[in-house]
């Protein structure tokens, strides 16, 4: 009887491992918004990491988050590191590519609560009366992230944060464009 139970447990564990391994090896999370402001107003709000506190969806999750800036003031080589509560964890962003008023590529490294390295892109495209801003993140799903994806939809979780951040960026950028500052 014990042998049958152990065999059944082994089959269940192997089945679960097979399901986890069948999950996608990579992911992409994308959100976009249209902002009634010119690219030369929106671009610096993303390209200068010092400006992120005004619109980042994670800033309000931990008002006591410790931020450190290093490298370039803005653009390629600018670095933003954070250490915060369980909701924001610990990590670092480094701007790898900066094409004025067009595109920003960021290396995003998480140290806590889990280790991961992803790529984040901001694409700014002219639209009538403003710009369309697309924020995406791509990365590799290791075994653990594949397992987590069975219980948690990262697109909804992180995508929701992206949507909040873009909405806040829209509000801040449009106010700045109206005031002329």
Foldseek 3Di string as FASTA:
>chain_A
DVVVVVVVVVVVVVVLLVQLVPFDFKDKAKDKDWALFALQLLQVCPFQVVNLCQQQLCCVVFVPKDWDWDADRGAAGTKIWIDGDQVVHTWMKGWHGGDRSAKTKIWTFGDPPHTFTKIWMWGWADDVSYTMIMIMIMGTQDSVNSSVCVPDPVNCVVVVSVVRRVVSSSVVSNVCRVVVD
